[in-house]
N, C-alpha and C. Protein backbone atom coordinates (compact mmCIF):
# COMPACT_ATOMS: atom_id res chain seq x y z
N UNK A 1 -15.10 95.55 63.84
CA UNK A 1 -14.55 95.09 62.55
C UNK A 1 -14.60 93.58 62.47
N UNK A 2 -14.11 92.95 63.58
CA UNK A 2 -14.11 91.50 63.57
C UNK A 2 -15.53 90.95 63.60
N UNK A 3 -16.46 91.68 64.22
CA UNK A 3 -17.86 91.25 64.27
C UNK A 3 -18.50 91.22 62.92
N UNK A 4 -18.13 92.12 62.04
CA UNK A 4 -18.68 92.15 60.68
C UNK A 4 -18.10 91.03 59.84
N UNK A 5 -16.84 90.71 60.05
CA UNK A 5 -16.16 89.69 59.24
C UNK A 5 -16.72 88.30 59.51
N UNK A 6 -17.06 88.01 60.76
CA UNK A 6 -17.52 86.66 61.11
C UNK A 6 -18.82 86.29 60.41
N UNK A 7 -19.87 87.12 60.47
CA UNK A 7 -21.11 86.76 59.75
C UNK A 7 -20.88 86.60 58.25
N UNK A 8 -20.01 87.44 57.68
CA UNK A 8 -19.74 87.38 56.24
C UNK A 8 -19.09 86.05 55.87
N UNK A 9 -18.12 85.65 56.68
CA UNK A 9 -17.44 84.38 56.37
C UNK A 9 -18.39 83.19 56.55
N UNK A 10 -19.28 83.27 57.53
CA UNK A 10 -20.29 82.21 57.72
C UNK A 10 -21.21 82.12 56.51
N UNK A 11 -21.64 83.29 56.04
CA UNK A 11 -22.53 83.35 54.86
C UNK A 11 -21.83 82.76 53.63
N UNK A 12 -20.57 83.13 53.48
CA UNK A 12 -19.78 82.62 52.34
C UNK A 12 -19.66 81.10 52.41
N UNK A 13 -19.43 80.61 53.63
CA UNK A 13 -19.30 79.17 53.83
C UNK A 13 -20.60 78.44 53.47
N UNK A 14 -21.74 79.04 53.89
CA UNK A 14 -23.05 78.43 53.58
C UNK A 14 -23.28 78.38 52.07
N UNK A 15 -22.99 79.51 51.41
CA UNK A 15 -23.16 79.56 49.95
C UNK A 15 -22.25 78.54 49.25
N UNK A 16 -21.03 78.44 49.73
CA UNK A 16 -20.06 77.52 49.12
C UNK A 16 -20.55 76.08 49.20
N UNK A 17 -21.03 75.70 50.39
CA UNK A 17 -21.52 74.32 50.54
C UNK A 17 -22.76 74.07 49.69
N UNK A 18 -23.63 75.10 49.60
CA UNK A 18 -24.85 74.95 48.78
C UNK A 18 -24.49 74.81 47.30
N UNK A 19 -23.56 75.65 46.85
CA UNK A 19 -23.13 75.59 45.44
C UNK A 19 -22.46 74.25 45.13
N UNK A 20 -21.64 73.77 46.09
CA UNK A 20 -20.97 72.47 45.90
C UNK A 20 -22.00 71.35 45.77
N UNK A 21 -23.04 71.40 46.61
CA UNK A 21 -24.10 70.39 46.54
C UNK A 21 -24.85 70.46 45.23
N UNK A 22 -25.18 71.70 44.79
CA UNK A 22 -25.87 71.88 43.51
C UNK A 22 -25.02 71.36 42.35
N UNK A 23 -23.73 71.65 42.41
CA UNK A 23 -22.82 71.18 41.35
C UNK A 23 -22.79 69.66 41.29
N UNK A 24 -22.71 69.03 42.45
CA UNK A 24 -22.67 67.56 42.49
C UNK A 24 -23.94 66.97 41.90
N UNK A 25 -25.11 67.57 42.27
CA UNK A 25 -26.39 67.08 41.72
C UNK A 25 -26.44 67.28 40.21
N UNK A 26 -25.94 68.45 39.76
CA UNK A 26 -25.94 68.77 38.33
C UNK A 26 -25.11 67.74 37.55
N UNK A 27 -23.92 67.42 38.10
CA UNK A 27 -23.03 66.45 37.42
C UNK A 27 -23.69 65.08 37.36
N UNK A 28 -24.32 64.66 38.46
CA UNK A 28 -25.00 63.35 38.49
C UNK A 28 -26.11 63.29 37.45
N UNK A 29 -26.88 64.38 37.37
CA UNK A 29 -28.00 64.43 36.42
C UNK A 29 -27.47 64.38 34.98
N UNK A 30 -26.37 65.10 34.73
CA UNK A 30 -25.76 65.07 33.39
C UNK A 30 -25.32 63.66 33.02
N UNK A 31 -24.69 62.98 34.00
CA UNK A 31 -24.23 61.61 33.74
C UNK A 31 -25.40 60.68 33.46
N UNK A 32 -26.49 60.86 34.23
CA UNK A 32 -27.68 60.00 34.04
C UNK A 32 -28.26 60.20 32.64
N UNK A 33 -28.42 61.47 32.24
CA UNK A 33 -28.99 61.76 30.92
C UNK A 33 -28.05 61.31 29.80
N UNK A 34 -26.75 61.50 30.00
CA UNK A 34 -25.78 61.07 28.97
C UNK A 34 -25.86 59.57 28.77
N UNK A 35 -26.03 58.83 29.89
CA UNK A 35 -26.17 57.37 29.80
C UNK A 35 -27.40 56.97 29.02
N UNK A 36 -28.52 57.67 29.28
CA UNK A 36 -29.77 57.37 28.56
C UNK A 36 -29.62 57.66 27.07
N UNK A 37 -29.00 58.81 26.76
CA UNK A 37 -28.81 59.20 25.35
C UNK A 37 -27.94 58.16 24.63
N UNK A 38 -26.86 57.72 25.30
CA UNK A 38 -25.97 56.72 24.70
C UNK A 38 -26.70 55.41 24.44
N UNK A 39 -27.54 55.02 25.41
CA UNK A 39 -28.31 53.79 25.26
C UNK A 39 -29.28 53.89 24.08
N UNK A 40 -29.96 55.03 23.98
CA UNK A 40 -30.90 55.23 22.87
C UNK A 40 -30.19 55.26 21.52
N UNK A 41 -29.00 55.88 21.49
CA UNK A 41 -28.24 55.92 20.24
C UNK A 41 -27.83 54.52 19.82
N UNK A 42 -27.42 53.71 20.79
CA UNK A 42 -27.03 52.32 20.49
C UNK A 42 -28.21 51.55 19.92
N UNK A 43 -29.40 51.74 20.53
CA UNK A 43 -30.60 51.06 20.05
C UNK A 43 -30.94 51.50 18.63
N UNK A 44 -30.82 52.81 18.38
CA UNK A 44 -31.12 53.35 17.05
C UNK A 44 -30.16 52.78 16.01
N UNK A 45 -28.88 52.72 16.36
CA UNK A 45 -27.88 52.16 15.44
C UNK A 45 -28.19 50.70 15.13
N UNK A 46 -28.53 49.94 16.17
CA UNK A 46 -28.86 48.52 15.98
C UNK A 46 -30.05 48.38 15.04
N UNK A 47 -31.08 49.20 15.23
CA UNK A 47 -32.27 49.14 14.37
C UNK A 47 -31.93 49.50 12.93
N UNK A 48 -31.09 50.50 12.75
CA UNK A 48 -30.69 50.89 11.38
C UNK A 48 -29.92 49.77 10.70
N UNK A 49 -29.02 49.13 11.47
CA UNK A 49 -28.26 48.01 10.90
C UNK A 49 -29.17 46.84 10.54
N UNK A 50 -30.15 46.56 11.43
CA UNK A 50 -31.13 45.50 11.14
C UNK A 50 -31.87 45.81 9.85
N UNK A 51 -32.26 47.07 9.71
CA UNK A 51 -33.01 47.48 8.52
C UNK A 51 -32.18 47.26 7.26
N UNK A 52 -30.90 47.66 7.30
CA UNK A 52 -30.02 47.49 6.14
C UNK A 52 -29.87 46.01 5.76
N UNK A 53 -29.65 45.18 6.78
CA UNK A 53 -29.49 43.73 6.53
C UNK A 53 -30.76 43.14 5.95
N UNK A 54 -31.90 43.52 6.53
CA UNK A 54 -33.19 42.97 6.06
C UNK A 54 -33.49 43.39 4.62
N UNK A 55 -33.15 44.65 4.29
CA UNK A 55 -33.38 45.12 2.92
C UNK A 55 -32.52 44.33 1.94
N UNK A 56 -31.25 44.07 2.33
CA UNK A 56 -30.36 43.29 1.45
C UNK A 56 -30.86 41.87 1.25
N UNK A 57 -31.35 41.26 2.34
CA UNK A 57 -31.89 39.90 2.24
C UNK A 57 -33.11 39.89 1.33
N UNK A 58 -33.96 40.92 1.50
CA UNK A 58 -35.18 41.03 0.69
C UNK A 58 -34.83 41.15 -0.79
N UNK A 59 -33.78 41.97 -1.08
CA UNK A 59 -33.34 42.13 -2.48
C UNK A 59 -32.78 40.83 -3.03
N UNK A 60 -32.02 40.12 -2.19
CA UNK A 60 -31.43 38.85 -2.63
C UNK A 60 -32.50 37.81 -2.93
N UNK A 61 -33.57 37.82 -2.13
CA UNK A 61 -34.66 36.87 -2.34
C UNK A 61 -35.54 37.25 -3.52
N UNK A 62 -35.45 38.52 -3.92
CA UNK A 62 -36.24 39.00 -5.06
C UNK A 62 -37.70 39.19 -4.74
N UNK A 63 -38.03 39.35 -3.46
CA UNK A 63 -39.43 39.57 -3.08
C UNK A 63 -39.77 41.05 -3.21
N UNK A 64 -41.06 41.37 -3.42
CA UNK A 64 -41.44 42.78 -3.54
C UNK A 64 -41.09 43.53 -2.27
N UNK A 65 -40.61 44.76 -2.44
CA UNK A 65 -40.15 45.54 -1.30
C UNK A 65 -41.29 45.94 -0.39
N UNK A 66 -41.14 45.62 0.92
CA UNK A 66 -42.14 46.03 1.91
C UNK A 66 -41.58 47.10 2.82
N UNK A 67 -40.31 47.49 2.56
CA UNK A 67 -39.70 48.52 3.40
C UNK A 67 -40.28 49.88 3.06
N UNK A 68 -40.06 50.82 3.95
CA UNK A 68 -40.61 52.17 3.77
C UNK A 68 -40.05 52.78 2.50
N UNK A 69 -40.87 53.51 1.72
CA UNK A 69 -40.39 54.08 0.46
C UNK A 69 -39.26 55.06 0.71
N UNK A 70 -38.22 54.96 -0.11
CA UNK A 70 -37.04 55.81 0.08
C UNK A 70 -37.10 57.04 -0.80
N UNK A 71 -38.31 57.40 -1.28
CA UNK A 71 -38.46 58.54 -2.19
C UNK A 71 -38.23 59.86 -1.47
N UNK A 72 -38.60 59.93 -0.19
CA UNK A 72 -38.45 61.17 0.56
C UNK A 72 -37.52 60.96 1.75
N UNK A 73 -36.22 60.89 1.48
CA UNK A 73 -35.30 60.72 2.62
C UNK A 73 -35.22 61.97 3.45
N UNK A 74 -35.17 61.81 4.76
CA UNK A 74 -35.07 62.96 5.64
C UNK A 74 -33.67 63.51 5.57
N UNK A 75 -33.57 64.83 5.43
CA UNK A 75 -32.25 65.45 5.36
C UNK A 75 -31.56 65.31 6.70
N UNK A 76 -30.34 64.79 6.65
CA UNK A 76 -29.61 64.58 7.90
C UNK A 76 -29.06 65.90 8.40
N UNK A 77 -29.32 66.20 9.64
CA UNK A 77 -28.81 67.43 10.24
C UNK A 77 -27.37 67.20 10.65
N UNK A 78 -26.58 68.28 10.81
CA UNK A 78 -25.19 68.11 11.24
C UNK A 78 -25.07 67.32 12.53
N UNK A 79 -26.04 67.53 13.45
CA UNK A 79 -26.00 66.81 14.73
C UNK A 79 -26.14 65.31 14.49
N UNK A 80 -27.09 64.92 13.62
CA UNK A 80 -27.30 63.50 13.35
C UNK A 80 -26.07 62.88 12.70
N UNK A 81 -25.41 63.64 11.82
CA UNK A 81 -24.22 63.12 11.17
C UNK A 81 -23.12 62.86 12.18
N UNK A 82 -22.97 63.79 13.12
CA UNK A 82 -21.95 63.62 14.15
C UNK A 82 -22.25 62.38 14.98
N UNK A 83 -23.51 62.21 15.33
CA UNK A 83 -23.89 61.05 16.13
C UNK A 83 -23.59 59.75 15.40
N UNK A 84 -23.92 59.74 14.11
CA UNK A 84 -23.69 58.52 13.32
C UNK A 84 -22.22 58.17 13.31
N UNK A 85 -21.37 59.17 13.15
CA UNK A 85 -19.93 58.92 13.14
C UNK A 85 -19.48 58.37 14.48
N UNK A 86 -20.04 58.93 15.55
CA UNK A 86 -19.67 58.47 16.90
C UNK A 86 -20.14 57.05 17.12
N UNK A 87 -21.36 56.76 16.64
CA UNK A 87 -21.93 55.42 16.83
C UNK A 87 -21.13 54.38 16.06
N UNK A 88 -20.69 54.75 14.83
CA UNK A 88 -19.96 53.78 14.04
C UNK A 88 -18.62 53.46 14.66
N UNK A 89 -18.06 54.42 15.42
CA UNK A 89 -16.79 54.14 16.08
C UNK A 89 -16.97 53.26 17.31
N UNK A 90 -18.19 53.23 17.87
CA UNK A 90 -18.48 52.36 19.02
C UNK A 90 -19.64 51.44 18.69
N UNK A 91 -19.43 50.39 17.90
CA UNK A 91 -20.55 49.50 17.55
C UNK A 91 -21.02 48.70 18.75
N UNK A 92 -22.34 48.54 18.92
CA UNK A 92 -22.84 47.74 20.04
C UNK A 92 -22.54 46.26 19.83
N UNK A 93 -22.62 45.47 20.90
CA UNK A 93 -22.31 44.05 20.82
C UNK A 93 -23.24 43.33 19.86
N UNK A 94 -24.50 43.77 19.84
CA UNK A 94 -25.48 43.12 18.96
C UNK A 94 -25.05 43.21 17.51
N UNK A 95 -24.48 44.38 17.13
CA UNK A 95 -24.03 44.56 15.75
C UNK A 95 -22.89 43.59 15.43
N UNK A 96 -21.96 43.45 16.36
CA UNK A 96 -20.83 42.54 16.16
C UNK A 96 -21.31 41.10 16.00
N UNK A 97 -22.29 40.70 16.85
CA UNK A 97 -22.83 39.34 16.78
C UNK A 97 -23.50 39.10 15.44
N UNK A 98 -24.30 40.10 15.00
CA UNK A 98 -25.01 39.95 13.73
C UNK A 98 -24.04 39.81 12.57
N UNK A 99 -22.97 40.64 12.56
CA UNK A 99 -22.03 40.58 11.45
C UNK A 99 -21.30 39.24 11.43
N UNK A 100 -20.99 38.71 12.64
CA UNK A 100 -20.32 37.40 12.71
C UNK A 100 -21.24 36.31 12.17
N UNK A 101 -22.52 36.35 12.59
CA UNK A 101 -23.48 35.35 12.12
C UNK A 101 -23.65 35.45 10.61
N UNK A 102 -23.69 36.69 10.11
CA UNK A 102 -23.88 36.91 8.68
C UNK A 102 -22.69 36.34 7.90
N UNK A 103 -21.45 36.60 8.43
CA UNK A 103 -20.26 36.09 7.76
C UNK A 103 -20.24 34.58 7.72
N UNK A 104 -20.59 33.96 8.87
CA UNK A 104 -20.56 32.49 8.93
C UNK A 104 -21.60 31.90 8.00
N UNK A 105 -22.78 32.54 7.90
CA UNK A 105 -23.82 32.06 6.99
C UNK A 105 -23.35 32.17 5.55
N UNK A 106 -22.74 33.32 5.23
CA UNK A 106 -22.25 33.53 3.86
C UNK A 106 -21.16 32.53 3.53
N UNK A 107 -20.27 32.28 4.52
CA UNK A 107 -19.18 31.32 4.31
C UNK A 107 -19.73 29.92 4.08
N UNK A 108 -20.74 29.56 4.89
CA UNK A 108 -21.33 28.22 4.77
C UNK A 108 -22.00 28.04 3.41
N UNK A 109 -22.76 29.07 2.98
CA UNK A 109 -23.45 28.96 1.69
C UNK A 109 -22.46 28.95 0.55
N UNK A 110 -21.38 29.75 0.69
CA UNK A 110 -20.36 29.78 -0.36
C UNK A 110 -19.64 28.45 -0.47
N UNK A 111 -19.32 27.86 0.70
CA UNK A 111 -18.61 26.58 0.66
C UNK A 111 -19.50 25.47 0.13
N UNK A 112 -20.81 25.52 0.46
CA UNK A 112 -21.70 24.47 -0.01
C UNK A 112 -21.95 24.57 -1.51
N UNK A 113 -21.98 25.82 -2.04
CA UNK A 113 -22.26 25.97 -3.47
C UNK A 113 -21.00 25.87 -4.32
N UNK A 114 -19.85 26.34 -3.78
CA UNK A 114 -18.63 26.38 -4.59
C UNK A 114 -17.69 25.22 -4.31
N UNK A 115 -17.97 24.41 -3.30
CA UNK A 115 -17.06 23.32 -2.94
C UNK A 115 -17.18 22.16 -3.94
N UNK A 116 -16.08 21.81 -4.62
CA UNK A 116 -16.14 20.71 -5.58
C UNK A 116 -16.16 19.36 -4.87
N UNK A 117 -16.67 18.34 -5.56
CA UNK A 117 -16.72 16.99 -4.97
C UNK A 117 -15.32 16.40 -4.98
N UNK A 118 -15.13 15.35 -4.18
CA UNK A 118 -13.82 14.69 -4.12
C UNK A 118 -13.47 14.09 -5.48
N UNK A 119 -14.48 13.58 -6.19
CA UNK A 119 -14.24 13.00 -7.53
C UNK A 119 -13.64 14.06 -8.45
N UNK A 120 -14.25 15.27 -8.43
CA UNK A 120 -13.74 16.36 -9.28
C UNK A 120 -12.34 16.78 -8.87
N UNK A 121 -12.10 16.83 -7.55
CA UNK A 121 -10.76 17.20 -7.06
C UNK A 121 -9.71 16.20 -7.54
N UNK A 122 -10.04 14.92 -7.42
CA UNK A 122 -9.09 13.86 -7.81
C UNK A 122 -8.83 13.92 -9.31
N UNK A 123 -9.90 14.05 -10.09
CA UNK A 123 -9.75 14.11 -11.55
C UNK A 123 -8.89 15.29 -11.98
N UNK A 124 -9.20 16.47 -11.39
CA UNK A 124 -8.44 17.69 -11.72
C UNK A 124 -6.97 17.52 -11.36
N UNK A 125 -6.74 16.94 -10.19
CA UNK A 125 -5.35 16.73 -9.74
C UNK A 125 -4.60 15.81 -10.71
N UNK A 126 -5.25 14.72 -11.12
CA UNK A 126 -4.59 13.77 -12.02
C UNK A 126 -4.25 14.40 -13.37
N UNK A 127 -5.16 15.22 -13.90
CA UNK A 127 -4.91 15.84 -15.21
C UNK A 127 -3.73 16.79 -15.18
N UNK A 128 -3.41 17.32 -13.98
CA UNK A 128 -2.29 18.26 -13.87
C UNK A 128 -0.95 17.57 -13.64
N UNK A 129 -0.97 16.25 -13.43
CA UNK A 129 0.26 15.51 -13.14
C UNK A 129 0.86 14.91 -14.42
N UNK A 130 2.19 14.96 -14.50
CA UNK A 130 2.86 14.38 -15.68
C UNK A 130 3.35 12.97 -15.39
N UNK A 131 3.29 12.57 -14.12
CA UNK A 131 3.74 11.22 -13.75
C UNK A 131 2.68 10.56 -12.88
N UNK A 132 2.69 9.20 -12.85
CA UNK A 132 1.70 8.49 -12.03
C UNK A 132 1.84 8.86 -10.54
N UNK A 133 0.71 8.83 -9.83
CA UNK A 133 0.67 9.14 -8.40
C UNK A 133 -0.07 8.05 -7.64
N UNK A 134 0.41 7.75 -6.44
CA UNK A 134 -0.29 6.76 -5.61
C UNK A 134 -1.46 7.43 -4.90
N UNK A 135 -2.36 6.61 -4.35
CA UNK A 135 -3.53 7.14 -3.64
C UNK A 135 -3.09 7.97 -2.44
N UNK A 136 -2.03 7.52 -1.75
CA UNK A 136 -1.53 8.25 -0.57
C UNK A 136 -0.98 9.61 -0.98
N UNK A 137 -0.24 9.66 -2.10
CA UNK A 137 0.32 10.94 -2.57
C UNK A 137 -0.80 11.92 -2.93
N UNK A 138 -1.83 11.39 -3.61
CA UNK A 138 -2.95 12.25 -4.02
C UNK A 138 -3.70 12.76 -2.79
N UNK A 139 -3.93 11.88 -1.82
CA UNK A 139 -4.64 12.28 -0.59
C UNK A 139 -3.87 13.36 0.16
N UNK A 140 -2.53 13.20 0.25
CA UNK A 140 -1.69 14.19 0.93
C UNK A 140 -1.73 15.53 0.22
N UNK A 141 -1.61 15.49 -1.12
CA UNK A 141 -1.60 16.73 -1.91
C UNK A 141 -2.93 17.47 -1.80
N UNK A 142 -4.03 16.71 -1.90
CA UNK A 142 -5.36 17.34 -1.82
C UNK A 142 -5.62 17.87 -0.41
N UNK A 143 -5.12 17.14 0.60
CA UNK A 143 -5.28 17.60 1.98
C UNK A 143 -4.56 18.92 2.21
N UNK A 144 -3.39 19.09 1.55
CA UNK A 144 -2.63 20.34 1.68
C UNK A 144 -3.33 21.47 0.93
N UNK A 145 -3.94 21.16 -0.23
CA UNK A 145 -4.63 22.17 -1.02
C UNK A 145 -5.95 22.59 -0.37
N UNK A 146 -6.59 21.66 0.34
CA UNK A 146 -7.90 21.93 0.95
C UNK A 146 -7.86 21.56 2.44
N UNK A 147 -7.19 22.39 3.26
CA UNK A 147 -7.06 22.05 4.69
C UNK A 147 -8.39 22.01 5.43
N UNK A 148 -9.43 22.64 4.85
CA UNK A 148 -10.73 22.65 5.52
C UNK A 148 -11.47 21.31 5.38
N UNK A 149 -10.96 20.45 4.48
CA UNK A 149 -11.61 19.16 4.24
C UNK A 149 -10.79 18.02 4.86
N UNK A 150 -11.49 16.97 5.27
CA UNK A 150 -10.81 15.77 5.77
C UNK A 150 -10.73 14.77 4.62
N UNK A 151 -9.52 14.59 4.10
CA UNK A 151 -9.33 13.71 2.94
C UNK A 151 -8.51 12.50 3.37
N UNK A 152 -9.15 11.31 3.35
CA UNK A 152 -8.48 10.07 3.78
C UNK A 152 -8.01 9.28 2.56
N UNK A 153 -6.89 8.61 2.74
CA UNK A 153 -6.30 7.82 1.64
C UNK A 153 -7.26 6.73 1.17
N UNK A 154 -7.94 6.07 2.11
CA UNK A 154 -8.86 4.98 1.73
C UNK A 154 -10.00 5.50 0.85
N UNK A 155 -10.51 6.68 1.19
CA UNK A 155 -11.61 7.27 0.41
C UNK A 155 -11.09 7.68 -0.97
N UNK A 156 -9.87 8.25 -1.01
CA UNK A 156 -9.28 8.65 -2.30
C UNK A 156 -9.07 7.41 -3.18
N UNK A 157 -8.59 6.30 -2.57
CA UNK A 157 -8.36 5.06 -3.34
C UNK A 157 -9.67 4.55 -3.94
N UNK A 158 -10.74 4.58 -3.12
CA UNK A 158 -12.06 4.14 -3.62
C UNK A 158 -12.51 5.03 -4.77
N UNK A 159 -12.29 6.35 -4.61
CA UNK A 159 -12.66 7.30 -5.66
C UNK A 159 -11.88 7.02 -6.93
N UNK A 160 -10.59 6.75 -6.79
CA UNK A 160 -9.74 6.46 -7.95
C UNK A 160 -10.19 5.20 -8.68
N UNK A 161 -10.54 4.17 -7.91
CA UNK A 161 -11.01 2.91 -8.52
C UNK A 161 -12.31 3.15 -9.29
N UNK A 162 -13.15 4.03 -8.74
CA UNK A 162 -14.40 4.38 -9.44
C UNK A 162 -14.11 5.09 -10.76
N UNK A 163 -13.09 5.97 -10.75
CA UNK A 163 -12.71 6.67 -11.98
C UNK A 163 -12.11 5.71 -13.00
N UNK A 164 -11.34 4.74 -12.51
CA UNK A 164 -10.76 3.73 -13.40
C UNK A 164 -11.87 2.93 -14.06
N UNK A 165 -12.88 2.56 -13.28
CA UNK A 165 -14.01 1.78 -13.81
C UNK A 165 -14.75 2.54 -14.91
N UNK A 166 -14.77 3.86 -14.80
CA UNK A 166 -15.47 4.68 -15.82
C UNK A 166 -14.51 5.17 -16.91
N UNK A 167 -13.27 4.68 -16.88
CA UNK A 167 -12.24 5.07 -17.86
C UNK A 167 -11.87 6.54 -17.74
N UNK A 168 -12.06 7.11 -16.55
CA UNK A 168 -11.66 8.50 -16.32
C UNK A 168 -10.28 8.58 -15.69
N UNK A 169 -9.70 7.43 -15.40
CA UNK A 169 -8.34 7.35 -14.86
C UNK A 169 -7.74 6.00 -15.25
N UNK A 170 -6.41 5.90 -15.19
CA UNK A 170 -5.73 4.65 -15.51
C UNK A 170 -4.95 4.17 -14.29
N UNK A 171 -4.99 2.84 -14.07
CA UNK A 171 -4.27 2.25 -12.95
C UNK A 171 -3.04 1.53 -13.49
N UNK A 172 -1.89 1.73 -12.86
CA UNK A 172 -0.67 1.02 -13.24
C UNK A 172 -0.01 0.48 -11.99
N UNK A 173 0.68 -0.65 -12.15
CA UNK A 173 1.35 -1.26 -11.00
C UNK A 173 2.85 -1.19 -11.22
N UNK A 174 3.58 -0.77 -10.22
CA UNK A 174 5.04 -0.76 -10.27
C UNK A 174 5.53 -1.47 -9.03
N UNK A 175 5.92 -2.72 -9.19
CA UNK A 175 6.27 -3.55 -8.04
C UNK A 175 5.01 -3.91 -7.28
N UNK A 176 5.01 -3.64 -5.98
CA UNK A 176 3.81 -3.91 -5.18
C UNK A 176 2.93 -2.68 -5.02
N UNK A 177 3.36 -1.56 -5.61
CA UNK A 177 2.60 -0.30 -5.47
C UNK A 177 1.69 -0.06 -6.67
N UNK A 178 0.55 0.57 -6.37
CA UNK A 178 -0.41 0.90 -7.43
C UNK A 178 -0.38 2.42 -7.63
N UNK A 179 -0.30 2.83 -8.91
CA UNK A 179 -0.26 4.25 -9.25
C UNK A 179 -1.39 4.57 -10.22
N UNK A 180 -1.78 5.84 -10.20
CA UNK A 180 -2.91 6.28 -11.05
C UNK A 180 -2.49 7.47 -11.89
N UNK A 181 -3.03 7.49 -13.11
CA UNK A 181 -2.77 8.62 -14.01
C UNK A 181 -4.07 9.02 -14.69
N UNK A 182 -4.04 10.20 -15.29
CA UNK A 182 -5.17 10.66 -16.09
C UNK A 182 -5.13 9.91 -17.42
N UNK A 183 -6.28 9.64 -18.06
CA UNK A 183 -6.27 8.89 -19.32
C UNK A 183 -5.37 9.50 -20.38
N UNK A 184 -5.21 10.81 -20.38
CA UNK A 184 -4.40 11.49 -21.40
C UNK A 184 -2.91 11.45 -21.12
N UNK A 185 -2.50 11.05 -19.90
CA UNK A 185 -1.08 11.05 -19.53
C UNK A 185 -0.38 9.85 -20.13
N UNK A 186 0.73 10.11 -20.80
CA UNK A 186 1.52 8.99 -21.37
C UNK A 186 2.77 8.83 -20.54
N UNK A 187 2.94 7.65 -19.98
CA UNK A 187 4.13 7.35 -19.19
C UNK A 187 4.68 6.02 -19.68
N UNK A 188 5.75 6.04 -20.44
CA UNK A 188 6.27 4.80 -21.06
C UNK A 188 6.53 3.69 -20.05
N UNK A 189 7.14 4.04 -18.91
CA UNK A 189 7.50 3.01 -17.93
C UNK A 189 6.24 2.33 -17.40
N UNK A 190 5.26 3.15 -17.02
CA UNK A 190 4.02 2.60 -16.49
C UNK A 190 3.28 1.82 -17.56
N UNK A 191 3.29 2.36 -18.79
CA UNK A 191 2.59 1.70 -19.89
C UNK A 191 3.20 0.33 -20.17
N UNK A 192 4.52 0.25 -20.20
CA UNK A 192 5.21 -1.02 -20.44
C UNK A 192 4.90 -2.03 -19.35
N UNK A 193 4.87 -1.55 -18.10
CA UNK A 193 4.59 -2.43 -16.97
C UNK A 193 3.19 -3.03 -17.10
N UNK A 194 2.22 -2.16 -17.49
CA UNK A 194 0.84 -2.61 -17.61
C UNK A 194 0.71 -3.61 -18.78
N UNK A 195 1.42 -3.32 -19.88
CA UNK A 195 1.36 -4.22 -21.07
C UNK A 195 1.92 -5.58 -20.69
N UNK A 196 3.02 -5.61 -19.92
CA UNK A 196 3.62 -6.85 -19.51
C UNK A 196 2.65 -7.68 -18.68
N UNK A 197 1.90 -6.99 -17.78
CA UNK A 197 0.92 -7.70 -16.92
C UNK A 197 -0.17 -8.33 -17.76
N UNK A 198 -0.70 -7.54 -18.73
CA UNK A 198 -1.80 -8.06 -19.56
C UNK A 198 -1.34 -9.25 -20.39
N UNK A 199 -0.10 -9.17 -20.93
CA UNK A 199 0.37 -10.26 -21.77
C UNK A 199 0.68 -11.49 -20.93
N UNK A 200 1.08 -11.27 -19.64
CA UNK A 200 1.36 -12.40 -18.75
C UNK A 200 0.08 -12.92 -18.22
């Protein structure tokens, strides 16, 4: 009885070790293939994103379309849809870099096209004021309104003097301080002070 049991247990042990080895190899192979599939999916996603960006740039430039005709789109299979959802939840680094570069380019172009000149900023500020303002006050206010710009009092003063020369602003003196107003602003105190200077 014991003689029969021993060979059986040895055989079982051999099979167990063989199956364990096969399982380990199987798991390694699955991991290797899964890694390759993930890498290929990431590359495919990156290419699709590149294509979308390039098509948008092409449309913005108004050049004739050289992209593949979209008349016959391939029907997306359920598997492809699942993959796309998975890929969008894990964007590759390249996609993140591209979107950052795109944002910074858009921001730069927007700021260059929409950013008003200092002369316009000063003029607009003066027209909104009901009382005279000094160059330092205007520089501080504009600096607070436009923190992305470096606005110096000396540059604002030069700009104001240029506006005064073109009759786009008025200069008044109160004591040793110089104040500026928009041509349409009426300030009796400042006006009287200026009249006194001219008559003296």
